[in-house]
C-alpha atoms as a PDB file:
ATOM      1  CA  UNK A   1     -14.675  15.989   1.313  1.00  0.00           C
ATOM      2  CA  UNK A   2     -12.735  18.675  -0.492  1.00  0.00           C
ATOM      3  CA  UNK A   3     -11.510  17.668  -3.951  1.00  0.00           C
ATOM      4  CA  UNK A   4      -7.887  18.351  -4.731  1.00  0.00           C
ATOM      5  CA  UNK A   5      -6.736  19.668  -8.125  1.00  0.00           C
ATOM      6  CA  UNK A   6      -5.459  16.159  -8.867  1.00  0.00           C
ATOM      7  CA  UNK A   7      -8.938  14.726  -8.133  1.00  0.00           C
ATOM      8  CA  UNK A   8     -10.550  17.244 -10.490  1.00  0.00           C
ATOM      9  CA  UNK A   9      -8.014  16.438 -13.215  1.00  0.00           C
ATOM     10  CA  UNK A  10      -8.712  12.697 -12.798  1.00  0.00           C
ATOM     11  CA  UNK A  11     -12.422  13.293 -13.149  1.00  0.00           C
ATOM     12  CA  UNK A  12     -12.044  15.512 -16.225  1.00  0.00           C
ATOM     13  CA  UNK A  13      -9.638  13.146 -17.940  1.00  0.00           C
ATOM     14  CA  UNK A  14     -11.114   9.725 -17.139  1.00  0.00           C
ATOM     15  CA  UNK A  15     -14.652  10.085 -15.757  1.00  0.00           C
ATOM     16  CA  UNK A  16     -16.588  12.907 -17.401  1.00  0.00           C
ATOM     17  CA  UNK A  17     -17.948  12.794 -20.913  1.00  0.00           C
ATOM     18  CA  UNK A  18     -20.022  15.415 -22.725  1.00  0.00           C
ATOM     19  CA  UNK A  19     -23.323  14.521 -24.355  1.00  0.00           C
ATOM     20  CA  UNK A  20     -24.419  16.878 -27.132  1.00  0.00           C
ATOM     21  CA  UNK A  21     -28.006  16.526 -28.328  1.00  0.00           C
ATOM     22  CA  UNK A  22     -29.091  18.046 -31.651  1.00  0.00           C
ATOM     23  CA  UNK A  23     -32.099  18.139 -33.951  1.00  0.00           C
ATOM     24  CA  UNK A  24     -30.108  17.132 -37.034  1.00  0.00           C
ATOM     25  CA  UNK A  25     -26.598  15.772 -37.491  1.00  0.00           C
ATOM     26  CA  UNK A  26     -23.827  18.202 -38.427  1.00  0.00           C
ATOM     27  CA  UNK A  27     -22.294  17.899 -41.919  1.00  0.00           C
ATOM     28  CA  UNK A  28     -19.087  16.453 -40.454  1.00  0.00           C
ATOM     29  CA  UNK A  29     -17.991  15.317 -37.023  1.00  0.00           C
ATOM     30  CA  UNK A  30     -14.720  16.398 -35.417  1.00  0.00           C
ATOM     31  CA  UNK A  31     -12.280  13.682 -34.374  1.00  0.00           C
ATOM     32  CA  UNK A  32     -13.096  12.103 -31.006  1.00  0.00           C
ATOM     33  CA  UNK A  33     -16.878  12.358 -31.313  1.00  0.00           C
ATOM     34  CA  UNK A  34     -18.976   9.201 -31.137  1.00  0.00           C
ATOM     35  CA  UNK A  35     -22.617   8.934 -32.160  1.00  0.00           C
ATOM     36  CA  UNK A  36     -25.228   7.090 -30.136  1.00  0.00           C
ATOM     37  CA  UNK A  37     -28.793   6.183 -30.936  1.00  0.00           C
ATOM     38  CA  UNK A  38     -31.581   7.923 -29.131  1.00  0.00           C
ATOM     39  CA  UNK A  39     -34.800   5.989 -28.725  1.00  0.00           C
ATOM     40  CA  UNK A  40     -37.664   7.317 -30.822  1.00  0.00           C
ATOM     41  CA  UNK A  41     -39.993   8.885 -28.311  1.00  0.00           C
ATOM     42  CA  UNK A  42     -43.069  10.860 -29.134  1.00  0.00           C
ATOM     43  CA  UNK A  43     -42.495  14.522 -28.405  1.00  0.00           C
ATOM     44  CA  UNK A  44     -38.738  14.115 -28.063  1.00  0.00           C
ATOM     45  CA  UNK A  45     -37.062  17.446 -28.643  1.00  0.00           C
ATOM     46  CA  UNK A  46     -33.691  16.152 -29.856  1.00  0.00           C
ATOM     47  CA  UNK A  47     -33.064  13.369 -32.362  1.00  0.00           C
ATOM     48  CA  UNK A  48     -29.263  12.833 -32.339  1.00  0.00           C
ATOM     49  CA  UNK A  49     -26.811  12.201 -29.513  1.00  0.00           C
ATOM     50  CA  UNK A  50     -23.067  12.803 -29.851  1.00  0.00           C
ATOM     51  CA  UNK A  51     -20.651  11.749 -27.116  1.00  0.00           C
ATOM     52  CA  UNK A  52     -17.305  13.473 -26.572  1.00  0.00           C
ATOM     53  CA  UNK A  53     -14.869  12.014 -24.067  1.00  0.00           C
ATOM     54  CA  UNK A  54     -12.546  15.014 -24.137  1.00  0.00           C
ATOM     55  CA  UNK A  55     -13.295  18.672 -23.606  1.00  0.00           C
ATOM     56  CA  UNK A  56     -11.429  19.648 -26.774  1.00  0.00           C
ATOM     57  CA  UNK A  57     -13.579  17.384 -28.954  1.00  0.00           C
ATOM     58  CA  UNK A  58     -16.750  18.696 -27.322  1.00  0.00           C
ATOM     59  CA  UNK A  59     -15.632  22.309 -27.832  1.00  0.00           C
ATOM     60  CA  UNK A  60     -14.872  21.625 -31.510  1.00  0.00           C
ATOM     61  CA  UNK A  61     -18.334  20.105 -32.032  1.00  0.00           C
ATOM     62  CA  UNK A  62     -20.042  22.984 -30.203  1.00  0.00           C
ATOM     63  CA  UNK A  63     -18.154  25.572 -32.272  1.00  0.00           C
ATOM     64  CA  UNK A  64     -19.218  23.760 -35.435  1.00  0.00           C
ATOM     65  CA  UNK A  65     -22.857  23.604 -34.324  1.00  0.00           C
ATOM     66  CA  UNK A  66     -22.824  27.321 -33.446  1.00  0.00           C
ATOM     67  CA  UNK A  67     -21.288  28.170 -36.823  1.00  0.00           C
ATOM     68  CA  UNK A  68     -24.009  26.143 -38.574  1.00  0.00           C
ATOM     69  CA  UNK A  69     -26.712  27.830 -36.475  1.00  0.00           C
ATOM     70  CA  UNK A  70     -28.010  24.536 -35.083  1.00  0.00           C
ATOM     71  CA  UNK A  71     -29.907  24.198 -31.853  1.00  0.00           C
ATOM     72  CA  UNK A  72     -28.212  21.872 -29.365  1.00  0.00           C
ATOM     73  CA  UNK A  73     -28.056  20.959 -25.714  1.00  0.00           C
ATOM     74  CA  UNK A  74     -25.072  19.700 -23.715  1.00  0.00           C
ATOM     75  CA  UNK A  75     -24.780  17.563 -20.599  1.00  0.00           C
ATOM     76  CA  UNK A  76     -21.692  16.467 -18.697  1.00  0.00           C
ATOM     77  CA  UNK A  77     -22.186  12.970 -17.285  1.00  0.00           C
ATOM     78  CA  UNK A  78     -20.060  10.242 -15.715  1.00  0.00           C
ATOM     79  CA  UNK A  79     -18.917   7.409 -17.950  1.00  0.00           C
ATOM     80  CA  UNK A  80     -20.363   3.980 -17.401  1.00  0.00           C
ATOM     81  CA  UNK A  81     -17.078   2.127 -16.757  1.00  0.00           C
ATOM     82  CA  UNK A  82     -15.824  -0.234 -14.059  1.00  0.00           C
ATOM     83  CA  UNK A  83     -13.093   2.152 -12.897  1.00  0.00           C
ATOM     84  CA  UNK A  84     -15.308   5.200 -12.311  1.00  0.00           C
ATOM     85  CA  UNK A  85     -16.172   4.323  -8.662  1.00  0.00           C
ATOM     86  CA  UNK A  86     -12.450   3.913  -7.938  1.00  0.00           C
ATOM     87  CA  UNK A  87     -11.384   7.219  -9.492  1.00  0.00           C
ATOM     88  CA  UNK A  88     -14.388   9.303  -8.479  1.00  0.00           C
ATOM     89  CA  UNK A  89     -16.244   7.871  -5.482  1.00  0.00           C
ATOM     90  CA  UNK A  90     -19.335   9.870  -4.540  1.00  0.00           C
ATOM     91  CA  UNK A  91     -18.497  12.453  -1.895  1.00  0.00           C
ATOM     92  CA  UNK A  92     -14.928  11.247  -1.367  1.00  0.00           C
ATOM     93  CA  UNK A  93     -11.469  12.280  -2.467  1.00  0.00           C
ATOM     94  CA  UNK A  94      -9.251   9.435  -3.707  1.00  0.00           C
ATOM     95  CA  UNK A  95      -6.151  11.530  -3.021  1.00  0.00           C
ATOM     96  CA  UNK A  96      -6.970  11.910   0.675  1.00  0.00           C
ATOM     97  CA  UNK A  97      -7.880   8.217   0.883  1.00  0.00           C
ATOM     98  CA  UNK A  98      -4.498   7.307  -0.645  1.00  0.00           C
ATOM     99  CA  UNK A  99      -2.594   9.645   1.707  1.00  0.00           C
ATOM    100  CA  UNK A 100      -4.458   8.200   4.712  1.00  0.00           C
ATOM    101  CA  UNK A 101      -3.721   4.631   3.596  1.00  0.00           C
ATOM    102  CA  UNK A 102      -0.017   5.440   3.161  1.00  0.00           C
ATOM    103  CA  UNK A 103       0.233   7.087   6.589  1.00  0.00           C
ATOM    104  CA  UNK A 104      -1.540   4.194   8.314  1.00  0.00           C
ATOM    105  CA  UNK A 105       0.641   1.647   6.482  1.00  0.00           C
ATOM    106  CA  UNK A 106       3.819   3.491   7.461  1.00  0.00           C
ATOM    107  CA  UNK A 107       2.681   3.651  11.095  1.00  0.00           C
ATOM    108  CA  UNK A 108       1.884  -0.074  11.180  1.00  0.00           C
ATOM    109  CA  UNK A 109       5.237  -0.941   9.602  1.00  0.00           C
ATOM    110  CA  UNK A 110       7.111   1.194  12.146  1.00  0.00           C
ATOM    111  CA  UNK A 111       5.192  -0.417  15.027  1.00  0.00           C
ATOM    112  CA  UNK A 112       5.904  -3.925  13.703  1.00  0.00           C
ATOM    113  CA  UNK A 113       9.588  -3.100  13.290  1.00  0.00           C
ATOM    114  CA  UNK A 114       9.736  -1.827  16.890  1.00  0.00           C
ATOM    115  CA  UNK A 115       7.967  -4.962  18.197  1.00  0.00           C
ATOM    116  CA  UNK A 116      10.335  -7.222  16.236  1.00  0.00           C
ATOM    117  CA  UNK A 117      13.310  -5.459  17.796  1.00  0.00           C
ATOM    118  CA  UNK A 118      11.776  -5.930  21.257  1.00  0.00           C
ATOM    119  CA  UNK A 119      11.124  -9.640  20.711  1.00  0.00           C
ATOM    120  CA  UNK A 120      14.670 -10.236  19.451  1.00  0.00           C
ATOM    121  CA  UNK A 121      16.244  -8.458  22.452  1.00  0.00           C
ATOM    122  CA  UNK A 122      17.365 -11.149  24.948  1.00  0.00           C
ATOM    123  CA  UNK A 123      17.248  -8.804  27.975  1.00  0.00           C
ATOM    124  CA  UNK A 124      13.665  -7.776  27.210  1.00  0.00           C
ATOM    125  CA  UNK A 125      12.622 -11.436  26.686  1.00  0.00           C
ATOM    126  CA  UNK A 126      14.217 -12.474  29.969  1.00  0.00           C
ATOM    127  CA  UNK A 127      12.505  -9.652  31.889  1.00  0.00           C
ATOM    128  CA  UNK A 128       9.188 -10.361  30.158  1.00  0.00           C
ATOM    129  CA  UNK A 129       9.332 -14.096  31.023  1.00  0.00           C
ATOM    130  CA  UNK A 130      10.199 -13.250  34.657  1.00  0.00           C
ATOM    131  CA  UNK A 131       7.192 -10.885  34.765  1.00  0.00           C
ATOM    132  CA  UNK A 132       4.885 -13.622  33.447  1.00  0.00           C
ATOM    133  CA  UNK A 133       6.217 -16.077  36.061  1.00  0.00           C
ATOM    134  CA  UNK A 134       5.683 -13.464  38.788  1.00  0.00           C
ATOM    135  CA  UNK A 135       2.093 -12.872  37.686  1.00  0.00           C
ATOM    136  CA  UNK A 136       1.353 -16.622  37.646  1.00  0.00           C
ATOM    137  CA  UNK A 137       2.426 -16.757  41.237  1.00  0.00           C
END
């Protein structure tokens, strides 16, 4: 399904986070950067993991690492939160799902309103009961 600009904004704002891996920690971390422990693995290329939930924080850290001449690697991953499948379902657009649900709900409400008007109409009820009696024989 095609993602709308609203879907992409939702994913950027609430789903994606940037992982920055480095050999050594920078002298200072910009605001909005969280550190995480990497397991000690033999032959591991990177030793430190920094997590940025916003693009601005990630850009500030990357600029600082480039200025310091440090080697780093970045990855954009989905957060591990309960709301991620609701905001960004795999292969689906929540905007189109919401629009479809609203259109179906409006159609059902209109149909129920029409049926209620039919049931409350005494002429229709009388004709309907006569039809049932005719069909019974």
